[in-house]
N, C-alpha and C. Protein backbone atom coordinates (compact mmCIF):
# COMPACT_ATOMS: atom_id res chain seq x y z
N MET A 1 113.43 131.78 104.71
CA MET A 1 113.09 130.87 103.63
C MET A 1 114.20 130.86 102.58
N LYS A 2 114.77 132.02 102.30
CA LYS A 2 115.82 132.13 101.28
C LYS A 2 117.01 131.23 101.64
N LYS A 3 117.40 131.22 102.90
CA LYS A 3 118.53 130.40 103.33
C LYS A 3 118.22 128.92 103.13
N THR A 4 117.01 128.50 103.44
CA THR A 4 116.60 127.11 103.27
C THR A 4 116.63 126.72 101.79
N ILE A 5 116.08 127.56 100.95
CA ILE A 5 116.07 127.29 99.50
C ILE A 5 117.51 127.19 98.99
N ASP A 6 118.35 128.12 99.39
CA ASP A 6 119.75 128.10 98.95
C ASP A 6 120.45 126.83 99.42
N THR A 7 120.14 126.37 100.61
CA THR A 7 120.74 125.13 101.13
C THR A 7 120.41 123.96 100.22
N VAL A 8 119.15 123.84 99.84
CA VAL A 8 118.74 122.73 98.96
C VAL A 8 119.37 122.88 97.58
N LEU A 9 119.34 124.08 97.04
CA LEU A 9 119.82 124.28 95.67
C LEU A 9 121.34 124.17 95.53
N THR A 10 122.06 124.36 96.60
CA THR A 10 123.53 124.24 96.53
C THR A 10 124.04 122.90 97.06
N ALA A 11 123.16 122.10 97.65
CA ALA A 11 123.58 120.80 98.20
C ALA A 11 123.98 119.85 97.08
N LYS A 12 125.01 119.07 97.35
CA LYS A 12 125.48 118.07 96.38
C LYS A 12 125.73 116.76 97.11
N ARG A 13 125.64 115.70 96.37
CA ARG A 13 125.89 114.37 96.90
C ARG A 13 126.95 113.73 96.03
N LYS A 14 127.90 113.06 96.67
CA LYS A 14 128.97 112.40 95.91
C LYS A 14 128.40 111.18 95.19
N ARG A 15 128.64 111.13 93.90
CA ARG A 15 128.21 110.02 93.05
C ARG A 15 129.43 109.53 92.28
N PHE A 16 129.89 108.35 92.56
CA PHE A 16 131.07 107.79 91.91
C PHE A 16 132.24 108.77 92.05
N LEU A 17 132.73 109.32 90.96
CA LEU A 17 133.91 110.19 91.02
C LEU A 17 133.58 111.68 91.03
N ARG A 18 132.32 112.03 90.98
CA ARG A 18 131.96 113.45 90.97
C ARG A 18 130.79 113.71 91.90
N ARG A 19 130.48 114.99 92.07
CA ARG A 19 129.39 115.39 92.94
C ARG A 19 128.20 115.83 92.08
N LYS A 20 127.02 115.39 92.49
CA LYS A 20 125.81 115.70 91.73
C LYS A 20 124.88 116.55 92.61
N PRO A 21 124.26 117.58 92.03
CA PRO A 21 123.33 118.40 92.82
C PRO A 21 122.17 117.57 93.37
N ILE A 22 121.73 117.89 94.57
CA ILE A 22 120.57 117.24 95.19
C ILE A 22 119.32 117.57 94.37
N TYR A 23 119.21 118.83 93.93
CA TYR A 23 118.03 119.27 93.17
C TYR A 23 118.38 119.42 91.70
N GLN A 24 117.60 118.76 90.86
CA GLN A 24 117.75 118.85 89.41
C GLN A 24 116.56 119.63 88.84
N THR A 25 116.84 120.81 88.32
CA THR A 25 115.78 121.64 87.73
C THR A 25 115.46 121.16 86.33
N SER A 26 114.16 121.03 86.03
CA SER A 26 113.76 120.62 84.68
C SER A 26 113.12 121.76 83.89
N ALA A 27 112.57 122.76 84.59
CA ALA A 27 111.96 123.91 83.91
C ALA A 27 111.85 125.06 84.90
N ARG A 28 111.95 126.26 84.42
CA ARG A 28 111.79 127.44 85.26
C ARG A 28 110.31 127.70 85.50
N ALA A 29 110.00 128.24 86.65
CA ALA A 29 108.63 128.65 86.96
C ALA A 29 108.55 130.17 86.82
N SER A 30 107.36 130.65 86.55
CA SER A 30 107.16 132.09 86.42
C SER A 30 106.03 132.54 87.35
N GLU A 31 106.06 133.81 87.69
CA GLU A 31 104.97 134.36 88.51
C GLU A 31 103.64 134.21 87.79
N MET A 32 103.63 134.41 86.48
CA MET A 32 102.40 134.28 85.71
C MET A 32 101.90 132.84 85.75
N GLY A 33 102.80 131.87 85.63
CA GLY A 33 102.40 130.46 85.69
C GLY A 33 101.82 130.10 87.05
N LEU A 34 102.43 130.59 88.12
CA LEU A 34 101.90 130.32 89.46
C LEU A 34 100.57 131.03 89.69
N PHE A 35 100.44 132.23 89.16
CA PHE A 35 99.17 132.95 89.24
C PHE A 35 98.07 132.17 88.53
N ARG A 36 98.41 131.63 87.36
CA ARG A 36 97.45 130.84 86.58
C ARG A 36 97.01 129.59 87.38
N VAL A 37 97.97 128.92 88.02
CA VAL A 37 97.65 127.74 88.82
C VAL A 37 96.71 128.11 89.97
N ALA A 38 97.04 129.17 90.69
CA ALA A 38 96.21 129.60 91.81
C ALA A 38 94.81 129.97 91.35
N ARG A 39 94.73 130.59 90.21
CA ARG A 39 93.42 130.98 89.67
C ARG A 39 92.60 129.76 89.26
N GLN A 40 93.25 128.78 88.62
CA GLN A 40 92.54 127.55 88.23
C GLN A 40 92.04 126.80 89.46
N LEU A 41 92.84 126.78 90.52
CA LEU A 41 92.45 126.07 91.74
C LEU A 41 91.50 126.89 92.60
N ASP A 42 91.41 128.18 92.33
CA ASP A 42 90.61 129.11 93.10
C ASP A 42 91.03 129.11 94.58
N CYS A 43 92.36 129.10 94.79
CA CYS A 43 92.89 129.20 96.15
C CYS A 43 94.31 129.74 96.08
N LYS A 44 94.81 130.15 97.22
CA LYS A 44 96.15 130.72 97.25
C LYS A 44 97.21 129.62 97.29
N LEU A 45 98.38 129.94 96.74
CA LEU A 45 99.54 129.09 96.91
C LEU A 45 100.26 129.57 98.16
N THR A 46 100.83 128.67 98.91
CA THR A 46 101.53 129.09 100.12
C THR A 46 102.72 129.95 99.72
N LEU A 47 103.06 130.91 100.57
CA LEU A 47 104.16 131.81 100.28
C LEU A 47 105.47 131.04 100.14
N GLY A 48 105.74 130.11 101.04
CA GLY A 48 106.97 129.32 100.98
C GLY A 48 107.07 128.50 99.71
N LEU A 49 105.99 127.84 99.34
CA LEU A 49 105.97 127.03 98.13
C LEU A 49 106.15 127.91 96.89
N SER A 50 105.50 129.06 96.87
CA SER A 50 105.66 129.99 95.74
C SER A 50 107.11 130.45 95.61
N LYS A 51 107.72 130.82 96.73
CA LYS A 51 109.12 131.25 96.71
C LYS A 51 110.01 130.11 96.21
N TRP A 52 109.75 128.89 96.71
CA TRP A 52 110.53 127.73 96.28
C TRP A 52 110.44 127.54 94.77
N LEU A 53 109.22 127.53 94.25
CA LEU A 53 109.03 127.27 92.82
C LEU A 53 109.64 128.37 91.95
N LEU A 54 109.52 129.62 92.39
CA LEU A 54 110.11 130.71 91.61
C LEU A 54 111.64 130.64 91.60
N GLU A 55 112.20 130.20 92.71
CA GLU A 55 113.67 130.11 92.82
C GLU A 55 114.20 128.82 92.19
N ALA A 56 113.55 127.70 92.48
CA ALA A 56 114.06 126.38 92.07
C ALA A 56 113.48 125.90 90.75
N GLY A 57 112.25 126.28 90.46
CA GLY A 57 111.58 125.79 89.26
C GLY A 57 111.08 124.37 89.43
N ASP A 58 110.49 123.85 88.36
CA ASP A 58 110.08 122.44 88.37
C ASP A 58 111.35 121.60 88.43
N GLY A 59 111.27 120.49 89.15
CA GLY A 59 112.43 119.62 89.23
C GLY A 59 112.25 118.53 90.26
N ASP A 60 113.37 117.88 90.59
CA ASP A 60 113.34 116.72 91.49
C ASP A 60 114.43 116.83 92.55
N ILE A 61 114.08 116.42 93.76
CA ILE A 61 115.05 116.26 94.83
C ILE A 61 115.45 114.80 94.85
N GLU A 62 116.74 114.54 94.55
CA GLU A 62 117.29 113.19 94.59
C GLU A 62 116.50 112.18 93.75
N SER A 63 115.86 112.61 92.72
CA SER A 63 115.04 111.73 91.87
C SER A 63 113.94 111.02 92.65
N SER A 64 113.61 111.55 93.84
CA SER A 64 112.58 110.88 94.64
C SER A 64 111.37 111.77 94.91
N LEU A 65 111.53 113.09 94.86
CA LEU A 65 110.42 114.00 95.10
C LEU A 65 110.35 114.98 93.94
N SER A 66 109.23 114.96 93.23
CA SER A 66 109.07 115.70 91.99
C SER A 66 108.11 116.88 92.17
N PHE A 67 108.60 118.06 91.83
CA PHE A 67 107.79 119.28 91.84
C PHE A 67 107.52 119.67 90.39
N ARG A 68 106.24 119.75 90.02
CA ARG A 68 105.86 120.15 88.67
C ARG A 68 104.60 121.02 88.76
N GLU A 69 104.54 122.03 87.94
CA GLU A 69 103.34 122.86 87.88
C GLU A 69 102.12 122.00 87.54
N ASP A 70 102.33 120.97 86.73
CA ASP A 70 101.24 120.07 86.32
C ASP A 70 100.67 119.24 87.46
N TRP A 71 101.41 119.08 88.55
CA TRP A 71 100.94 118.24 89.67
C TRP A 71 99.84 118.93 90.47
N PHE A 72 99.76 120.25 90.40
CA PHE A 72 98.81 120.97 91.25
C PHE A 72 97.37 120.56 90.94
N CYS A 73 96.67 120.15 91.97
CA CYS A 73 95.23 119.88 91.84
C CYS A 73 94.59 119.97 93.22
N LEU A 74 93.32 120.28 93.22
CA LEU A 74 92.54 120.41 94.45
C LEU A 74 91.84 119.09 94.72
N LEU A 75 92.02 118.53 95.92
CA LEU A 75 91.35 117.29 96.28
C LEU A 75 89.95 117.61 96.79
N SER A 76 89.00 116.74 96.48
CA SER A 76 87.61 117.07 96.80
C SER A 76 86.90 116.04 97.67
N HIS A 77 87.59 114.98 98.08
CA HIS A 77 86.93 113.95 98.88
C HIS A 77 87.42 113.99 100.33
N PRO A 78 86.46 114.02 101.29
CA PRO A 78 86.83 114.03 102.71
C PRO A 78 87.66 112.80 103.07
N PRO A 79 88.54 112.88 103.98
CA PRO A 79 88.88 114.04 104.82
C PRO A 79 89.93 114.94 104.20
N LEU A 80 90.25 114.71 102.94
CA LEU A 80 91.32 115.47 102.28
C LEU A 80 90.79 116.62 101.43
N SER A 81 89.49 116.83 101.44
CA SER A 81 88.92 117.87 100.58
C SER A 81 89.49 119.23 100.95
N GLY A 82 89.83 119.97 99.91
CA GLY A 82 90.40 121.30 100.10
C GLY A 82 91.91 121.32 100.08
N LEU A 83 92.55 120.15 100.23
CA LEU A 83 94.01 120.12 100.15
C LEU A 83 94.45 120.26 98.70
N VAL A 84 95.63 120.84 98.49
CA VAL A 84 96.16 121.06 97.15
C VAL A 84 97.43 120.24 96.98
N VAL A 85 97.41 119.33 96.02
CA VAL A 85 98.59 118.51 95.71
C VAL A 85 99.61 119.40 95.01
N PHE A 86 100.87 119.32 95.44
CA PHE A 86 101.94 120.10 94.82
C PHE A 86 103.13 119.25 94.38
N ALA A 87 103.20 117.99 94.82
CA ALA A 87 104.35 117.15 94.46
C ALA A 87 103.97 115.67 94.51
N HIS A 88 104.75 114.86 93.81
CA HIS A 88 104.62 113.40 93.82
C HIS A 88 105.99 112.85 94.16
N ASP A 89 106.02 111.63 94.69
CA ASP A 89 107.33 111.00 94.89
C ASP A 89 107.47 109.80 93.96
N ASN A 90 108.59 109.11 94.06
CA ASN A 90 108.89 108.01 93.16
C ASN A 90 108.03 106.78 93.38
N LEU A 91 107.20 106.77 94.42
CA LEU A 91 106.26 105.66 94.66
C LEU A 91 104.82 106.09 94.42
N ASP A 92 104.62 107.21 93.75
CA ASP A 92 103.30 107.78 93.44
C ASP A 92 102.54 108.26 94.66
N ASN A 93 103.23 108.51 95.77
CA ASN A 93 102.60 109.17 96.91
C ASN A 93 102.48 110.64 96.58
N LEU A 94 101.55 111.30 97.25
CA LEU A 94 101.29 112.71 97.00
C LEU A 94 101.70 113.56 98.19
N TYR A 95 102.02 114.81 97.91
CA TYR A 95 102.34 115.79 98.94
C TYR A 95 101.43 116.97 98.68
N ALA A 96 100.72 117.41 99.72
CA ALA A 96 99.70 118.43 99.55
C ALA A 96 99.79 119.44 100.70
N TYR A 97 99.19 120.60 100.47
CA TYR A 97 99.12 121.60 101.53
C TYR A 97 97.68 122.04 101.71
N ASP A 98 97.41 122.57 102.89
CA ASP A 98 96.09 123.10 103.21
C ASP A 98 96.15 124.62 103.00
N PRO A 99 95.40 125.16 102.04
CA PRO A 99 95.45 126.60 101.78
C PRO A 99 94.97 127.45 102.95
N GLU A 100 94.27 126.85 103.89
CA GLU A 100 93.77 127.60 105.05
C GLU A 100 94.88 127.92 106.04
N ASP A 101 95.81 126.97 106.25
CA ASP A 101 96.84 127.19 107.27
C ASP A 101 98.25 126.79 106.83
N ASP A 102 98.42 126.39 105.57
CA ASP A 102 99.72 126.05 104.97
C ASP A 102 100.31 124.72 105.45
N THR A 103 99.60 123.95 106.25
CA THR A 103 100.09 122.66 106.73
C THR A 103 100.37 121.74 105.56
N ILE A 104 101.47 120.98 105.65
CA ILE A 104 101.88 120.05 104.59
C ILE A 104 101.49 118.63 105.00
N TYR A 105 100.91 117.88 104.04
CA TYR A 105 100.45 116.50 104.28
C TYR A 105 101.09 115.53 103.29
N PHE A 106 101.26 114.31 103.75
CA PHE A 106 101.68 113.18 102.93
C PHE A 106 100.43 112.33 102.70
N ILE A 107 100.19 111.90 101.46
CA ILE A 107 99.06 111.04 101.14
C ILE A 107 99.60 109.81 100.43
N ALA A 108 99.45 108.66 101.07
CA ALA A 108 100.02 107.42 100.55
C ALA A 108 99.31 106.97 99.28
N ALA A 109 100.08 106.40 98.36
CA ALA A 109 99.53 105.86 97.12
C ALA A 109 98.48 104.81 97.45
N GLY A 110 97.44 104.75 96.65
CA GLY A 110 96.38 103.78 96.86
C GLY A 110 95.51 104.09 98.06
N ASN A 111 95.61 105.32 98.57
CA ASN A 111 94.80 105.75 99.71
C ASN A 111 94.94 104.86 100.93
N SER A 112 96.13 104.40 101.20
CA SER A 112 96.31 103.60 102.41
C SER A 112 96.35 104.49 103.64
N GLY A 113 96.45 105.79 103.45
CA GLY A 113 96.40 106.71 104.58
C GLY A 113 97.08 108.03 104.28
N TYR A 114 97.06 108.89 105.27
CA TYR A 114 97.69 110.20 105.15
C TYR A 114 98.28 110.59 106.50
N ALA A 115 99.19 111.56 106.47
CA ALA A 115 99.81 112.04 107.70
C ALA A 115 100.21 113.49 107.54
N ARG A 116 100.17 114.20 108.63
CA ARG A 116 100.62 115.58 108.66
C ARG A 116 102.15 115.56 108.71
N LEU A 117 102.81 116.33 107.84
CA LEU A 117 104.28 116.34 107.79
C LEU A 117 104.91 117.57 108.44
N ALA A 118 104.33 118.74 108.21
CA ALA A 118 104.97 119.97 108.70
C ALA A 118 103.95 121.10 108.79
N ASP A 119 104.32 122.11 109.58
CA ASP A 119 103.45 123.27 109.76
C ASP A 119 103.33 124.11 108.49
N ASP A 120 104.38 124.13 107.68
CA ASP A 120 104.37 124.90 106.44
C ASP A 120 105.47 124.38 105.52
N PHE A 121 105.58 124.97 104.34
CA PHE A 121 106.52 124.45 103.35
C PHE A 121 107.98 124.64 103.79
N CYS A 122 108.28 125.75 104.43
CA CYS A 122 109.65 125.98 104.91
C CYS A 122 110.03 124.92 105.94
N ALA A 123 109.13 124.62 106.86
CA ALA A 123 109.39 123.57 107.87
C ALA A 123 109.55 122.21 107.19
N PHE A 124 108.78 121.96 106.14
CA PHE A 124 108.89 120.72 105.36
C PHE A 124 110.29 120.60 104.76
N LEU A 125 110.76 121.65 104.09
CA LEU A 125 112.10 121.62 103.49
C LEU A 125 113.18 121.48 104.56
N ASN A 126 113.03 122.21 105.67
CA ASN A 126 114.02 122.12 106.74
C ASN A 126 114.11 120.71 107.31
N GLU A 127 112.98 120.05 107.46
CA GLU A 127 112.99 118.67 107.97
C GLU A 127 113.62 117.73 106.95
N LEU A 128 113.37 117.95 105.68
CA LEU A 128 113.98 117.13 104.63
C LEU A 128 115.51 117.31 104.65
N ILE A 129 115.97 118.53 104.84
CA ILE A 129 117.40 118.80 104.96
C ILE A 129 117.96 118.08 106.19
N ARG A 130 117.26 118.23 107.33
CA ARG A 130 117.71 117.60 108.57
C ARG A 130 117.85 116.09 108.42
N ARG A 131 116.98 115.51 107.62
CA ARG A 131 117.00 114.07 107.38
C ARG A 131 117.94 113.68 106.22
N ASP A 132 118.78 114.60 105.80
CA ASP A 132 119.74 114.39 104.72
C ASP A 132 119.04 113.95 103.43
N TYR A 133 117.87 114.54 103.18
CA TYR A 133 117.09 114.31 101.96
C TYR A 133 116.63 112.86 101.81
N ASN A 134 116.57 112.13 102.90
CA ASN A 134 116.15 110.73 102.87
C ASN A 134 114.64 110.66 103.02
N LEU A 135 113.96 110.90 101.91
CA LEU A 135 112.49 110.91 101.90
C LEU A 135 111.92 109.55 102.24
N ALA A 136 112.54 108.48 101.76
CA ALA A 136 112.04 107.12 102.01
C ALA A 136 112.00 106.82 103.51
N ALA A 137 113.04 107.15 104.23
CA ALA A 137 113.07 106.90 105.67
C ALA A 137 112.02 107.74 106.39
N TRP A 138 111.83 108.98 105.97
CA TRP A 138 110.82 109.84 106.57
C TRP A 138 109.44 109.25 106.33
N ARG A 139 109.18 108.87 105.09
CA ARG A 139 107.90 108.25 104.73
C ARG A 139 107.63 107.02 105.59
N ASP A 140 108.65 106.17 105.71
CA ASP A 140 108.49 104.92 106.45
C ASP A 140 108.27 105.14 107.94
N SER A 141 108.66 106.29 108.46
CA SER A 141 108.50 106.57 109.89
C SER A 141 107.13 107.13 110.25
N LEU A 142 106.32 107.44 109.24
CA LEU A 142 105.02 108.08 109.49
C LEU A 142 103.98 107.10 110.00
N THR A 143 103.15 107.58 110.89
CA THR A 143 101.96 106.85 111.32
C THR A 143 100.80 107.43 110.52
N LEU A 144 100.21 106.59 109.67
CA LEU A 144 99.17 107.07 108.76
C LEU A 144 97.79 106.99 109.38
N GLU A 145 96.99 108.00 109.11
CA GLU A 145 95.57 107.98 109.46
C GLU A 145 94.85 107.35 108.27
N LYS A 146 94.03 106.37 108.56
CA LYS A 146 93.28 105.69 107.49
C LYS A 146 92.06 106.51 107.09
N PHE A 147 91.66 106.36 105.84
CA PHE A 147 90.43 106.98 105.37
C PHE A 147 89.88 106.18 104.21
N ASP A 148 88.60 106.33 103.98
CA ASP A 148 87.93 105.62 102.90
C ASP A 148 87.41 106.66 101.92
N ALA A 149 88.11 106.78 100.81
CA ALA A 149 87.73 107.75 99.80
C ALA A 149 88.26 107.28 98.45
N PRO A 150 87.77 107.85 97.37
CA PRO A 150 88.33 107.52 96.06
C PRO A 150 89.84 107.78 96.07
N ASP A 151 90.56 107.07 95.27
CA ASP A 151 92.02 107.16 95.23
C ASP A 151 92.46 108.59 94.92
N ALA A 152 93.18 109.19 95.85
CA ALA A 152 93.65 110.57 95.69
C ALA A 152 94.61 110.66 94.51
N ALA A 153 95.43 109.63 94.29
CA ALA A 153 96.37 109.66 93.18
C ALA A 153 95.63 109.70 91.85
N GLN A 154 94.54 108.93 91.74
CA GLN A 154 93.75 108.96 90.51
C GLN A 154 93.08 110.32 90.36
N GLN A 155 92.59 110.88 91.46
CA GLN A 155 91.97 112.19 91.41
C GLN A 155 92.99 113.24 90.98
N ALA A 156 94.22 113.12 91.48
CA ALA A 156 95.27 114.08 91.12
C ALA A 156 95.66 113.92 89.65
N ALA A 157 95.64 112.69 89.15
CA ALA A 157 96.00 112.44 87.75
C ALA A 157 94.89 112.90 86.81
N GLY A 158 93.66 112.86 87.28
CA GLY A 158 92.53 113.19 86.43
C GLY A 158 92.18 114.60 86.53
């Protein structure tokens, strides 16, 4: 996991005449803050996600995927009940994990559907690296499972 985190944190993309980091940190995370989040949600944070947040802090990958302590919330409507939102993207889609098995899910804005993305957070980051951080192309390649439930994005915001 450490190698994967370091890969993301040291990656840069050429922008005009200079190189810009792929990941922009906006705030540091603390063990106490993550403990508080887990306690409020009454569930565990995945080990990979916890390591990522402690190392990288709150921030954004390529201004398209946003990690914030404030994003964490527990979804309560089937079939997504029990999933924990940990990130949003630039189109208001959600990214969540299952505390039972650490599986990572994509939840489309407006509840148009959801899809399984990775077995765990490390696999999620590795796939994002493999795709050269092109979240939009990955999103567009997903086959979504439809569901009828209250808007997950509104639930995550509320």
